[in-house]
C-alpha atoms as a PDB file:
ATOM      1  CA  MET A   1     181.714  95.804 -15.124  1.00  0.00           C
ATOM      2  CA  LYS A   2     184.125  98.154 -13.531  1.00  0.00           C
ATOM      3  CA  TYR A   3     187.904  98.083 -13.516  1.00  0.00           C
ATOM      4  CA  ASN A   4     190.598  98.954 -10.976  1.00  0.00           C
ATOM      5  CA  LYS A   5     194.286  99.604 -11.223  1.00  0.00           C
ATOM      6  CA  LEU A   6     196.340  96.959  -9.231  1.00  0.00           C
ATOM      7  CA  GLY A   7     198.547  98.640  -6.857  1.00  0.00           C
ATOM      8  CA  GLN A   8     201.380 100.491  -8.571  1.00  0.00           C
ATOM      9  CA  THR A   9     201.477  98.257 -11.543  1.00  0.00           C
ATOM     10  CA  ASP A  10     200.044  98.830 -15.063  1.00  0.00           C
ATOM     11  CA  LEU A  11     197.547  96.034 -14.499  1.00  0.00           C
ATOM     12  CA  VAL A  12     193.916  97.047 -14.670  1.00  0.00           C
ATOM     13  CA  VAL A  13     191.554  94.196 -13.339  1.00  0.00           C
ATOM     14  CA  SER A  14     187.830  93.712 -13.268  1.00  0.00           C
ATOM     15  CA  GLU A  15     186.095  94.266 -10.100  1.00  0.00           C
ATOM     16  CA  LEU A  16     185.139  90.542 -10.011  1.00  0.00           C
ATOM     17  CA  CYS A  17     187.778  87.902 -10.514  1.00  0.00           C
ATOM     18  CA  LEU A  18     186.942  84.333 -11.704  1.00  0.00           C
ATOM     19  CA  GLY A  19     188.367  81.759  -9.226  1.00  0.00           C
ATOM     20  CA  THR A  20     189.349  78.184 -10.309  1.00  0.00           C
ATOM     21  CA  MET A  21     189.797  76.201  -7.291  1.00  0.00           C
ATOM     22  CA  THR A  22     186.998  73.696  -8.124  1.00  0.00           C
ATOM     23  CA  TRP A  23     188.355  72.926 -11.604  1.00  0.00           C
ATOM     24  CA  GLY A  24     189.361  69.411 -11.707  1.00  0.00           C
ATOM     25  CA  THR A  25     187.365  68.172  -8.718  1.00  0.00           C
ATOM     26  CA  GLN A  26     183.882  69.743  -8.561  1.00  0.00           C
ATOM     27  CA  ASN A  27     184.162  71.155 -12.004  1.00  0.00           C
ATOM     28  CA  SER A  28     185.194  69.405 -15.315  1.00  0.00           C
ATOM     29  CA  ALA A  29     187.217  71.217 -18.001  1.00  0.00           C
ATOM     30  CA  GLU A  30     183.938  71.587 -19.861  1.00  0.00           C
ATOM     31  CA  ASP A  31     182.479  73.439 -17.078  1.00  0.00           C
ATOM     32  CA  ALA A  32     185.656  75.515 -16.615  1.00  0.00           C
ATOM     33  CA  PHE A  33     185.565  76.578 -20.312  1.00  0.00           C
ATOM     34  CA  TYR A  34     181.868  77.602 -19.942  1.00  0.00           C
ATOM     35  CA  GLN A  35     182.741  79.784 -16.945  1.00  0.00           C
ATOM     36  CA  ILE A  36     185.691  81.526 -18.630  1.00  0.00           C
ATOM     37  CA  GLU A  37     183.656  82.301 -21.684  1.00  0.00           C
ATOM     38  CA  LYS A  38     180.516  83.572 -19.734  1.00  0.00           C
ATOM     39  CA  SER A  39     182.758  85.587 -17.588  1.00  0.00           C
ATOM     40  CA  ILE A  40     184.557  87.249 -20.430  1.00  0.00           C
ATOM     41  CA  ASP A  41     181.162  87.856 -22.073  1.00  0.00           C
ATOM     42  CA  ALA A  42     180.361  89.787 -18.740  1.00  0.00           C
ATOM     43  CA  GLY A  43     183.398  91.872 -18.786  1.00  0.00           C
ATOM     44  CA  ILE A  44     185.734  89.831 -16.577  1.00  0.00           C
ATOM     45  CA  ASN A  45     189.527  89.951 -17.585  1.00  0.00           C
ATOM     46  CA  PHE A  46     190.926  88.575 -14.412  1.00  0.00           C
ATOM     47  CA  ILE A  47     191.411  84.677 -13.544  1.00  0.00           C
ATOM     48  CA  ASP A  48     193.046  83.581 -10.430  1.00  0.00           C
ATOM     49  CA  THR A  49     194.446  80.001  -9.989  1.00  0.00           C
ATOM     50  CA  ALA A  50     197.377  78.250  -8.047  1.00  0.00           C
ATOM     51  CA  GLU A  51     199.650  75.458  -8.237  1.00  0.00           C
ATOM     52  CA  LEU A  52     197.803  73.815  -5.229  1.00  0.00           C
ATOM     53  CA  TYR A  53     194.523  73.703  -6.999  1.00  0.00           C
ATOM     54  CA  PRO A  54     191.993  72.104  -7.114  1.00  0.00           C
ATOM     55  CA  VAL A  55     190.821  71.820  -3.784  1.00  0.00           C
ATOM     56  CA  ASN A  56     187.722  70.080  -2.313  1.00  0.00           C
ATOM     57  CA  PRO A  57     189.534  67.973  -1.858  1.00  0.00           C
ATOM     58  CA  ILE A  58     193.282  68.779  -1.895  1.00  0.00           C
ATOM     59  CA  SER A  59     195.069  65.769  -3.490  1.00  0.00           C
ATOM     60  CA  GLY A  60     198.365  64.792  -5.082  1.00  0.00           C
ATOM     61  CA  ALA A  61     196.396  62.915  -7.645  1.00  0.00           C
ATOM     62  CA  THR A  62     194.608  66.243  -8.999  1.00  0.00           C
ATOM     63  CA  GLN A  63     197.221  68.949  -7.974  1.00  0.00           C
ATOM     64  CA  GLY A  64     197.812  71.023 -10.923  1.00  0.00           C
ATOM     65  CA  GLU A  65     194.588  70.387 -12.796  1.00  0.00           C
ATOM     66  CA  SER A  66     193.228  73.873 -12.352  1.00  0.00           C
ATOM     67  CA  GLU A  67     196.273  75.376 -14.110  1.00  0.00           C
ATOM     68  CA  ARG A  68     196.362  72.621 -16.719  1.00  0.00           C
ATOM     69  CA  ILE A  69     192.613  73.212 -17.593  1.00  0.00           C
ATOM     70  CA  LEU A  70     193.162  77.043 -17.817  1.00  0.00           C
ATOM     71  CA  GLY A  71     196.263  76.428 -19.985  1.00  0.00           C
ATOM     72  CA  GLU A  72     194.244  74.147 -22.239  1.00  0.00           C
ATOM     73  CA  TRP A  73     191.633  76.979 -22.830  1.00  0.00           C
ATOM     74  CA  LEU A  74     194.268  79.657 -23.162  1.00  0.00           C
ATOM     75  CA  ASN A  75     196.137  77.520 -25.742  1.00  0.00           C
ATOM     76  CA  LYS A  76     192.943  77.312 -28.066  1.00  0.00           C
ATOM     77  CA  SER A  77     191.569  80.705 -27.428  1.00  0.00           C
ATOM     78  CA  ASN A  78     194.079  83.070 -29.051  1.00  0.00           C
ATOM     79  CA  CYS A  79     193.190  85.871 -26.317  1.00  0.00           C
ATOM     80  CA  ARG A  80     195.941  85.310 -23.779  1.00  0.00           C
ATOM     81  CA  ASP A  81     196.991  88.980 -23.768  1.00  0.00           C
ATOM     82  CA  GLU A  82     193.534  90.206 -23.213  1.00  0.00           C
ATOM     83  CA  LEU A  83     193.454  88.430 -19.854  1.00  0.00           C
ATOM     84  CA  ILE A  84     195.105  89.072 -16.538  1.00  0.00           C
ATOM     85  CA  ILE A  85     196.095  85.569 -15.106  1.00  0.00           C
ATOM     86  CA  ALA A  86     197.240  85.121 -11.603  1.00  0.00           C
ATOM     87  CA  THR A  87     198.591  82.014  -9.944  1.00  0.00           C
ATOM     88  CA  LYS A  88     200.409  81.233  -6.722  1.00  0.00           C
ATOM     89  CA  ILE A  89     203.262  79.197  -5.258  1.00  0.00           C
ATOM     90  CA  ALA A  90     202.492  76.939  -2.382  1.00  0.00           C
ATOM     91  CA  GLY A  91     204.730  77.194   0.690  1.00  0.00           C
ATOM     92  CA  ASN A  92     205.199  74.896   3.737  1.00  0.00           C
ATOM     93  CA  GLY A  93     202.786  72.090   4.133  1.00  0.00           C
ATOM     94  CA  PRO A  94     201.465  70.090   1.229  1.00  0.00           C
ATOM     95  CA  LYS A  95     203.729  66.980   0.903  1.00  0.00           C
ATOM     96  CA  HIS A  96     202.698  66.244  -2.574  1.00  0.00           C
ATOM     97  CA  ILE A  97     204.250  69.643  -3.670  1.00  0.00           C
ATOM     98  CA  ARG A  98     207.956  69.633  -3.479  1.00  0.00           C
ATOM     99  CA  ASN A  99     207.697  67.463  -0.218  1.00  0.00           C
ATOM    100  CA  GLY A 100     206.239  70.447   1.630  1.00  0.00           C
ATOM    101  CA  GLU A 101     209.159  72.775   0.887  1.00  0.00           C
ATOM    102  CA  GLY A 102     208.688  76.440   1.879  1.00  0.00           C
ATOM    103  CA  ILE A 103     209.118  79.382  -0.420  1.00  0.00           C
ATOM    104  CA  THR A 104     212.714  79.789  -1.400  1.00  0.00           C
ATOM    105  CA  LYS A 105     214.663  81.090  -4.349  1.00  0.00           C
ATOM    106  CA  LYS A 106     214.921  77.539  -5.648  1.00  0.00           C
ATOM    107  CA  SER A 107     211.267  76.618  -5.173  1.00  0.00           C
ATOM    108  CA  LEU A 108     210.248  79.941  -6.824  1.00  0.00           C
ATOM    109  CA  PHE A 109     212.025  79.044 -10.048  1.00  0.00           C
ATOM    110  CA  THR A 110     210.796  75.463  -9.966  1.00  0.00           C
ATOM    111  CA  ALA A 111     207.235  76.374  -9.292  1.00  0.00           C
ATOM    112  CA  ILE A 112     207.010  79.279 -11.935  1.00  0.00           C
ATOM    113  CA  ASN A 113     208.412  77.054 -14.751  1.00  0.00           C
ATOM    114  CA  ALA A 114     205.972  74.357 -13.753  1.00  0.00           C
ATOM    115  CA  SER A 115     203.018  76.811 -13.845  1.00  0.00           C
ATOM    116  CA  LEU A 116     204.083  78.359 -17.090  1.00  0.00           C
ATOM    117  CA  ASN A 117     204.293  74.949 -18.588  1.00  0.00           C
ATOM    118  CA  LEU A 118     200.664  73.864 -17.347  1.00  0.00           C
ATOM    119  CA  LEU A 119     199.222  77.327 -18.379  1.00  0.00           C
ATOM    120  CA  LYS A 120     200.769  77.034 -21.783  1.00  0.00           C
ATOM    121  CA  THR A 121     202.013  80.695 -21.480  1.00  0.00           C
ATOM    122  CA  ASP A 122     205.222  82.642 -21.629  1.00  0.00           C
ATOM    123  CA  TYR A 123     204.374  84.890 -18.677  1.00  0.00           C
ATOM    124  CA  ILE A 124     202.150  85.233 -15.572  1.00  0.00           C
ATOM    125  CA  ASP A 125     200.594  88.625 -14.961  1.00  0.00           C
ATOM    126  CA  LEU A 126     200.323  88.258 -11.133  1.00  0.00           C
ATOM    127  CA  TYR A 127     202.529  85.659  -9.147  1.00  0.00           C
ATOM    128  CA  GLN A 128     201.415  85.460  -5.549  1.00  0.00           C
ATOM    129  CA  LEU A 129     202.986  83.746  -2.464  1.00  0.00           C
ATOM    130  CA  HIS A 130     200.247  81.637  -1.172  1.00  0.00           C
ATOM    131  CA  TRP A 131     201.016  81.868   2.523  1.00  0.00           C
ATOM    132  CA  PRO A 132     204.060  83.113   4.501  1.00  0.00           C
ATOM    133  CA  ASN A 133     206.825  80.579   5.468  1.00  0.00           C
ATOM    134  CA  ARG A 134     206.709  81.745   8.927  1.00  0.00           C
ATOM    135  CA  GLY A 135     202.932  80.953   9.485  1.00  0.00           C
ATOM    136  CA  SER A 136     199.772  82.823   9.401  1.00  0.00           C
ATOM    137  CA  TYR A 137     196.746  83.751  11.418  1.00  0.00           C
ATOM    138  CA  HIS A 138     194.303  83.128   8.680  1.00  0.00           C
ATOM    139  CA  PHE A 139     192.015  80.050   8.184  1.00  0.00           C
ATOM    140  CA  ARG A 140     190.863  80.429  11.890  1.00  0.00           C
ATOM    141  CA  GLN A 141     194.296  80.181  13.062  1.00  0.00           C
ATOM    142  CA  ASN A 142     193.604  83.706  14.614  1.00  0.00           C
ATOM    143  CA  TRP A 143     192.108  81.981  17.574  1.00  0.00           C
ATOM    144  CA  ARG A 144     195.422  80.637  18.677  1.00  0.00           C
ATOM    145  CA  PHE A 145     197.940  82.853  16.892  1.00  0.00           C
ATOM    146  CA  ASP A 146     201.279  83.159  18.618  1.00  0.00           C
ATOM    147  CA  PRO A 147     204.059  84.952  16.745  1.00  0.00           C
ATOM    148  CA  THR A 148     206.724  84.704  19.485  1.00  0.00           C
ATOM    149  CA  SER A 149     208.436  81.695  17.938  1.00  0.00           C
ATOM    150  CA  GLN A 150     209.255  83.929  14.832  1.00  0.00           C
ATOM    151  CA  ASP A 151     212.982  84.946  14.425  1.00  0.00           C
ATOM    152  CA  LYS A 152     212.823  88.428  12.715  1.00  0.00           C
ATOM    153  CA  ASN A 153     216.191  88.188  11.222  1.00  0.00           C
ATOM    154  CA  ILE A 154     215.437  84.864   9.569  1.00  0.00           C
ATOM    155  CA  VAL A 155     212.128  86.307   8.259  1.00  0.00           C
ATOM    156  CA  LEU A 156     213.628  89.417   6.897  1.00  0.00           C
ATOM    157  CA  ASP A 157     216.500  87.379   5.196  1.00  0.00           C
ATOM    158  CA  HIS A 158     214.100  85.167   3.674  1.00  0.00           C
ATOM    159  CA  MET A 159     212.101  88.150   2.288  1.00  0.00           C
ATOM    160  CA  ASN A 160     215.185  89.597   0.822  1.00  0.00           C
ATOM    161  CA  GLU A 161     216.082  86.347  -0.940  1.00  0.00           C
ATOM    162  CA  VAL A 162     212.537  85.966  -2.372  1.00  0.00           C
ATOM    163  CA  LEU A 163     212.512  89.474  -3.652  1.00  0.00           C
ATOM    164  CA  GLN A 164     215.864  89.074  -5.352  1.00  0.00           C
ATOM    165  CA  ALA A 165     214.525  85.915  -7.017  1.00  0.00           C
ATOM    166  CA  CYS A 166     211.473  87.900  -8.025  1.00  0.00           C
ATOM    167  CA  ASP A 167     213.606  90.595  -9.607  1.00  0.00           C
ATOM    168  CA  THR A 168     215.203  87.863 -11.775  1.00  0.00           C
ATOM    169  CA  LEU A 169     211.851  86.399 -12.821  1.00  0.00           C
ATOM    170  CA  LYS A 170     210.614  89.937 -13.788  1.00  0.00           C
ATOM    171  CA  LYS A 171     213.757  90.787 -15.769  1.00  0.00           C
ATOM    172  CA  GLU A 172     213.343  87.311 -17.533  1.00  0.00           C
ATOM    173  CA  GLY A 173     209.811  88.555 -18.697  1.00  0.00           C
ATOM    174  CA  LYS A 174     208.124  85.530 -16.702  1.00  0.00           C
ATOM    175  CA  VAL A 175     206.331  87.602 -14.348  1.00  0.00           C
ATOM    176  CA  ARG A 176     204.686  91.079 -14.618  1.00  0.00           C
ATOM    177  CA  ALA A 177     203.688  91.741 -11.070  1.00  0.00           C
ATOM    178  CA  PHE A 178     203.939  90.063  -7.713  1.00  0.00           C
ATOM    179  CA  GLY A 179     201.490  89.716  -4.664  1.00  0.00           C
ATOM    180  CA  LEU A 180     200.884  88.253  -1.242  1.00  0.00           C
ATOM    181  CA  SER A 181     198.192  85.931   0.110  1.00  0.00           C
ATOM    182  CA  ASN A 182     197.202  85.122   3.719  1.00  0.00           C
ATOM    183  CA  GLU A 183     199.741  87.815   5.074  1.00  0.00           C
ATOM    184  CA  SER A 184     199.561  90.224   7.957  1.00  0.00           C
ATOM    185  CA  ALA A 185     199.920  93.822   8.166  1.00  0.00           C
ATOM    186  CA  TRP A 186     203.513  93.434   9.620  1.00  0.00           C
ATOM    187  CA  GLY A 187     204.452  91.022   6.960  1.00  0.00           C
ATOM    188  CA  THR A 188     203.195  93.160   4.168  1.00  0.00           C
ATOM    189  CA  ALA A 189     204.860  96.276   5.543  1.00  0.00           C
ATOM    190  CA  GLN A 190     208.291  94.540   5.532  1.00  0.00           C
ATOM    191  CA  TRP A 191     207.871  93.141   2.118  1.00  0.00           C
ATOM    192  CA  LEU A 192     207.156  96.751   0.999  1.00  0.00           C
ATOM    193  CA  ARG A 193     210.097  98.261   2.954  1.00  0.00           C
ATOM    194  CA  ILE A 194     212.586  95.817   1.719  1.00  0.00           C
ATOM    195  CA  SER A 195     211.613  96.234  -2.022  1.00  0.00           C
ATOM    196  CA  GLU A 196     211.701 100.059  -1.631  1.00  0.00           C
ATOM    197  CA  GLU A 197     215.016 100.145   0.140  1.00  0.00           C
ATOM    198  CA  LYS A 198     216.725  97.714  -2.266  1.00  0.00           C
ATOM    199  CA  ASP A 199     214.807  98.824  -5.457  1.00  0.00           C
ATOM    200  CA  LEU A 200     213.407  95.353  -5.902  1.00  0.00           C
ATOM    201  CA  PRO A 201     209.830  94.348  -7.071  1.00  0.00           C
ATOM    202  CA  ARG A 202     207.067  95.317  -4.668  1.00  0.00           C
ATOM    203  CA  MET A 203     204.117  93.243  -3.588  1.00  0.00           C
ATOM    204  CA  ASP A 204     201.060  95.145  -5.131  1.00  0.00           C
ATOM    205  CA  SER A 205     198.228  92.960  -4.056  1.00  0.00           C
ATOM    206  CA  ILE A 206     197.237  90.728  -0.988  1.00  0.00           C
ATOM    207  CA  GLN A 207     194.824  87.909  -1.467  1.00  0.00           C
ATOM    208  CA  ASN A 208     193.229  87.282   1.910  1.00  0.00           C
ATOM    209  CA  GLU A 209     189.702  86.129   3.042  1.00  0.00           C
ATOM    210  CA  TYR A 210     187.206  88.832   3.190  1.00  0.00           C
ATOM    211  CA  SER A 211     183.389  88.717   3.380  1.00  0.00           C
ATOM    212  CA  LEU A 212     180.461  90.085   5.375  1.00  0.00           C
ATOM    213  CA  MET A 213     181.416  87.200   8.031  1.00  0.00           C
ATOM    214  CA  CYS A 214     185.249  87.471   7.739  1.00  0.00           C
ATOM    215  CA  ARG A 215     186.337  91.097   8.322  1.00  0.00           C
ATOM    216  CA  ILE A 216     189.775  90.797  10.003  1.00  0.00           C
ATOM    217  CA  PHE A 217     191.228  92.857   7.192  1.00  0.00           C
ATOM    218  CA  ASP A 218     189.125  95.900   8.205  1.00  0.00           C
ATOM    219  CA  THR A 219     191.744  97.514  10.607  1.00  0.00           C
ATOM    220  CA  ASP A 220     195.507  97.425  10.215  1.00  0.00           C
ATOM    221  CA  LEU A 221     195.615  95.852   6.862  1.00  0.00           C
ATOM    222  CA  ALA A 222     192.961  98.292   5.523  1.00  0.00           C
ATOM    223  CA  GLU A 223     195.015 101.166   6.753  1.00  0.00           C
ATOM    224  CA  LEU A 224     198.285  99.746   5.453  1.00  0.00           C
ATOM    225  CA  CYS A 225     196.882  98.842   1.834  1.00  0.00           C
ATOM    226  CA  HIS A 226     195.119 102.336   1.497  1.00  0.00           C
ATOM    227  CA  ASN A 227     198.380 104.290   2.342  1.00  0.00           C
ATOM    228  CA  GLU A 228     200.708 101.947   0.567  1.00  0.00           C
ATOM    229  CA  ASN A 229     198.461 101.339  -2.589  1.00  0.00           C
ATOM    230  CA  VAL A 230     198.237  97.645  -2.112  1.00  0.00           C
ATOM    231  CA  GLY A 231     195.062  96.238  -3.581  1.00  0.00           C
ATOM    232  CA  LEU A 232     192.901  93.342  -1.768  1.00  0.00           C
ATOM    233  CA  LEU A 233     191.864  90.447  -3.752  1.00  0.00           C
ATOM    234  CA  SER A 234     189.200  89.023  -1.567  1.00  0.00           C
ATOM    235  CA  PHE A 235     188.837  85.327  -1.573  1.00  0.00           C
ATOM    236  CA  SER A 236     185.611  83.585  -0.200  1.00  0.00           C
ATOM    237  CA  PRO A 237     183.591  86.618  -0.465  1.00  0.00           C
ATOM    238  CA  LEU A 238     180.282  84.625   0.044  1.00  0.00           C
ATOM    239  CA  ALA A 239     181.861  82.855   3.032  1.00  0.00           C
ATOM    240  CA  THR A 240     182.195  79.664   1.041  1.00  0.00           C
ATOM    241  CA  GLY A 241     178.550  79.788   0.182  1.00  0.00           C
ATOM    242  CA  ILE A 242     177.371  80.130   3.885  1.00  0.00           C
ATOM    243  CA  LEU A 243     175.730  83.350   2.998  1.00  0.00           C
ATOM    244  CA  SER A 244     173.515  81.772   0.438  1.00  0.00           C
ATOM    245  CA  GLY A 245     171.738  80.144   3.286  1.00  0.00           C
ATOM    246  CA  LYS A 246     172.285  76.675   1.953  1.00  0.00           C
ATOM    247  CA  TYR A 247     173.847  75.387   5.193  1.00  0.00           C
ATOM    248  CA  LEU A 248     171.170  76.738   7.580  1.00  0.00           C
ATOM    249  CA  ASP A 249     170.257  74.293  10.370  1.00  0.00           C
ATOM    250  CA  GLY A 250     172.865  71.915   9.689  1.00  0.00           C
ATOM    251  CA  ALA A 251     171.929  71.318   6.003  1.00  0.00           C
ATOM    252  CA  ILE A 252     174.697  69.904   3.837  1.00  0.00           C
ATOM    253  CA  PRO A 253     173.508  69.915   0.129  1.00  0.00           C
ATOM    254  CA  GLU A 254     174.828  67.134  -1.994  1.00  0.00           C
ATOM    255  CA  GLY A 255     177.804  68.085  -3.989  1.00  0.00           C
ATOM    256  CA  SER A 256     178.523  71.258  -2.056  1.00  0.00           C
ATOM    257  CA  ARG A 257     181.853  72.147  -0.435  1.00  0.00           C
ATOM    258  CA  GLY A 258     180.306  71.409   2.751  1.00  0.00           C
ATOM    259  CA  SER A 259     179.834  67.841   1.749  1.00  0.00           C
ATOM    260  CA  ILE A 260     183.409  67.344   0.975  1.00  0.00           C
ATOM    261  CA  VAL A 261     185.370  69.641   3.364  1.00  0.00           C
ATOM    262  CA  ASN A 262     184.252  68.778   7.096  1.00  0.00           C
ATOM    263  CA  GLY A 263     183.118  71.963   8.835  1.00  0.00           C
ATOM    264  CA  LEU A 264     184.086  74.172   5.977  1.00  0.00           C
ATOM    265  CA  SER A 265     187.629  74.744   7.425  1.00  0.00           C
ATOM    266  CA  GLY A 266     186.303  75.805  10.763  1.00  0.00           C
ATOM    267  CA  ARG A 267     183.517  78.127   9.506  1.00  0.00           C
ATOM    268  CA  MET A 268     180.604  75.920  10.564  1.00  0.00           C
ATOM    269  CA  THR A 269     180.165  77.272  14.056  1.00  0.00           C
ATOM    270  CA  SER A 270     177.021  77.655  16.366  1.00  0.00           C
ATOM    271  CA  ARG A 271     177.128  81.382  15.436  1.00  0.00           C
ATOM    272  CA  ILE A 272     176.568  81.141  11.723  1.00  0.00           C
ATOM    273  CA  ASP A 273     172.887  80.535  11.385  1.00  0.00           C
ATOM    274  CA  ALA A 274     172.008  83.753  13.252  1.00  0.00           C
ATOM    275  CA  ALA A 275     174.318  85.828  11.160  1.00  0.00           C
ATOM    276  CA  THR A 276     173.245  84.276   7.959  1.00  0.00           C
ATOM    277  CA  ARG A 277     169.690  84.903   8.783  1.00  0.00           C
ATOM    278  CA  ALA A 278     170.371  88.554   9.789  1.00  0.00           C
ATOM    279  CA  TYR A 279     172.035  89.226   6.467  1.00  0.00           C
ATOM    280  CA  MET A 280     169.403  87.460   4.600  1.00  0.00           C
ATOM    281  CA  GLU A 281     166.728  89.600   6.301  1.00  0.00           C
ATOM    282  CA  VAL A 282     168.609  92.771   5.065  1.00  0.00           C
ATOM    283  CA  ALA A 283     168.699  91.540   1.502  1.00  0.00           C
ATOM    284  CA  GLU A 284     164.961  90.557   1.696  1.00  0.00           C
ATOM    285  CA  ASN A 285     164.169  94.033   3.098  1.00  0.00           C
ATOM    286  CA  TYR A 286     165.937  95.790   0.106  1.00  0.00           C
ATOM    287  CA  GLY A 287     164.694  93.420  -2.618  1.00  0.00           C
ATOM    288  CA  LEU A 288     168.082  91.817  -3.043  1.00  0.00           C
ATOM    289  CA  ASP A 289     169.663  88.371  -3.514  1.00  0.00           C
ATOM    290  CA  THR A 290     171.839  87.782  -0.545  1.00  0.00           C
ATOM    291  CA  CYS A 291     174.692  86.616  -2.534  1.00  0.00           C
ATOM    292  CA  GLN A 292     174.498  89.412  -4.837  1.00  0.00           C
ATOM    293  CA  MET A 293     174.289  91.897  -1.976  1.00  0.00           C
ATOM    294  CA  ALA A 294     177.493  90.244  -0.385  1.00  0.00           C
ATOM    295  CA  LEU A 295     179.427  90.686  -3.698  1.00  0.00           C
ATOM    296  CA  ALA A 296     178.079  94.165  -4.282  1.00  0.00           C
ATOM    297  CA  TRP A 297     179.091  95.004  -0.708  1.00  0.00           C
ATOM    298  CA  CYS A 298     182.647  93.923  -1.359  1.00  0.00           C
ATOM    299  CA  ARG A 299     182.721  96.335  -4.170  1.00  0.00           C
ATOM    300  CA  THR A 300     182.048  99.276  -1.949  1.00  0.00           C
ATOM    301  CA  ARG A 301     185.271  98.739   0.236  1.00  0.00           C
ATOM    302  CA  PRO A 302     187.795 101.399  -0.701  1.00  0.00           C
ATOM    303  CA  PHE A 303     190.682  98.947  -0.608  1.00  0.00           C
ATOM    304  CA  MET A 304     189.066  96.392  -2.815  1.00  0.00           C
ATOM    305  CA  ALA A 305     190.854  95.579  -6.151  1.00  0.00           C
ATOM    306  CA  SER A 306     188.817  92.533  -7.133  1.00  0.00           C
ATOM    307  CA  ALA A 307     186.622  89.987  -5.391  1.00  0.00           C
ATOM    308  CA  ILE A 308     187.343  86.407  -6.270  1.00  0.00           C
ATOM    309  CA  PHE A 309     184.342  84.136  -6.666  1.00  0.00           C
ATOM    310  CA  GLY A 310     184.024  80.636  -7.599  1.00  0.00           C
ATOM    311  CA  ALA A 311     180.983  78.623  -9.163  1.00  0.00           C
ATOM    312  CA  ARG A 312     180.113  75.052  -8.987  1.00  0.00           C
ATOM    313  CA  THR A 313     176.911  75.401 -11.158  1.00  0.00           C
ATOM    314  CA  LYS A 314     175.731  77.593 -14.062  1.00  0.00           C
ATOM    315  CA  GLU A 315     173.090  79.256 -11.909  1.00  0.00           C
ATOM    316  CA  GLN A 316     175.719  80.108  -9.250  1.00  0.00           C
ATOM    317  CA  LEU A 317     177.964  81.670 -12.060  1.00  0.00           C
ATOM    318  CA  SER A 318     175.141  83.738 -13.440  1.00  0.00           C
ATOM    319  CA  ASN A 319     173.968  84.894 -10.044  1.00  0.00           C
ATOM    320  CA  ALA A 320     177.523  86.133  -9.267  1.00  0.00           C
ATOM    321  CA  LEU A 321     178.040  87.863 -12.651  1.00  0.00           C
ATOM    322  CA  ALA A 322     174.896  89.830 -12.207  1.00  0.00           C
ATOM    323  CA  SER A 323     175.892  91.227  -8.913  1.00  0.00           C
ATOM    324  CA  VAL A 324     177.690  93.840 -10.711  1.00  0.00           C
ATOM    325  CA  ASN A 325     174.333  95.511 -11.606  1.00  0.00           C
ATOM    326  CA  VAL A 326     173.513  95.777  -7.922  1.00  0.00           C
ATOM    327  CA  ASP A 327     174.274  99.003  -6.160  1.00  0.00           C
ATOM    328  CA  LEU A 328     173.501  99.163  -2.429  1.00  0.00           C
ATOM    329  CA  SER A 329     171.854 102.260  -0.893  1.00  0.00           C
ATOM    330  CA  ASP A 330     173.114 104.128   1.952  1.00  0.00           C
ATOM    331  CA  ASP A 331     170.339 102.666   4.160  1.00  0.00           C
ATOM    332  CA  CYS A 332     171.127  99.205   3.030  1.00  0.00           C
ATOM    333  CA  LEU A 333     174.880  99.694   3.998  1.00  0.00           C
ATOM    334  CA  ARG A 334     173.835 100.920   7.413  1.00  0.00           C
ATOM    335  CA  ALA A 335     171.771  97.867   7.986  1.00  0.00           C
ATOM    336  CA  ILE A 336     174.606  95.628   7.108  1.00  0.00           C
ATOM    337  CA  GLU A 337     176.837  97.415   9.446  1.00  0.00           C
ATOM    338  CA  MET A 338     174.252  96.950  12.224  1.00  0.00           C
ATOM    339  CA  VAL A 339     174.215  93.173  11.592  1.00  0.00           C
ATOM    340  CA  HIS A 340     178.244  93.195  11.592  1.00  0.00           C
ATOM    341  CA  LYS A 341     178.087  94.836  15.000  1.00  0.00           C
ATOM    342  CA  LYS A 342     175.760  92.018  16.293  1.00  0.00           C
ATOM    343  CA  HIS A 343     177.623  89.307  14.624  1.00  0.00           C
ATOM    344  CA  PRO A 344     181.201  90.442  14.260  1.00  0.00           C
ATOM    345  CA  MET A 345     183.037  87.162  14.225  1.00  0.00           C
ATOM    346  CA  PRO A 346     180.588  84.274  13.379  1.00  0.00           C
ATOM    347  CA  PHE A 347     183.488  81.882  12.513  1.00  0.00           C
END
């Protein structure tokens, strides 16, 4: 396991991060404890959760269970200071979380205190804004994205207010570092500019979807994050399991995410089978497991701080953890790029 410095912080995170969004729906507390302990044994020091979790499905009845389960383990483990714990505040949308209120100074203080209580800890290492108040082009919204309804002055005033609140939380010792999620290049640049101009906490990471099948990050955000030292925390690096091949030809395995979330949030398109088969062929040609190849490829990206993976089964967990032993040859990387050019936007 290798480790990367996160942005300009003093946090050093493992190249793989254990995701928790299935804890409380598809995974029991017992499953979660097993995942944590096996991941730590493999060298992982980074666990990501959110106040919204679990998903699959999202529900007011289970909301907060992922943080609660992680908190239960932290409380009994006596190794809190050895781990980097990340969580997120939800924004506009879910009515069962503060009636769908966006991210404000007030909601930040409310959410952080609730997360600290559930996690049974005095501090959070990385606190992230799950999505921008103004909206986002992520989760397939890029196909109809229209920013013309945004009011720049309102957006910038909001950012300033949030960063002022972040400053208070940091001074109180409740948060060590801050990050973004589902953000754009312009949005990230504004967060960084305001923090620099006003000597406020900076956003040192960005958690966006990134995989062989979702490479929106590769242009403007890649350039920004390289030059401004913001680390990518990629979610869905296996394209929600599509890259495993289990959804080929319309198959929906029992208990899978696809059996719960219709269409995998817009990812199930007529283009995914051809792309999946092409990546599986590359993996076979180089004697690799396709999922391990996908995770190993993420590690080659120069802006990558950590790839967040989740596991529903012990076999999936073991397979993901073993990916750190996979190094991709230059020929394999070239073959991957050829597939990307043929299948640039499968969903």
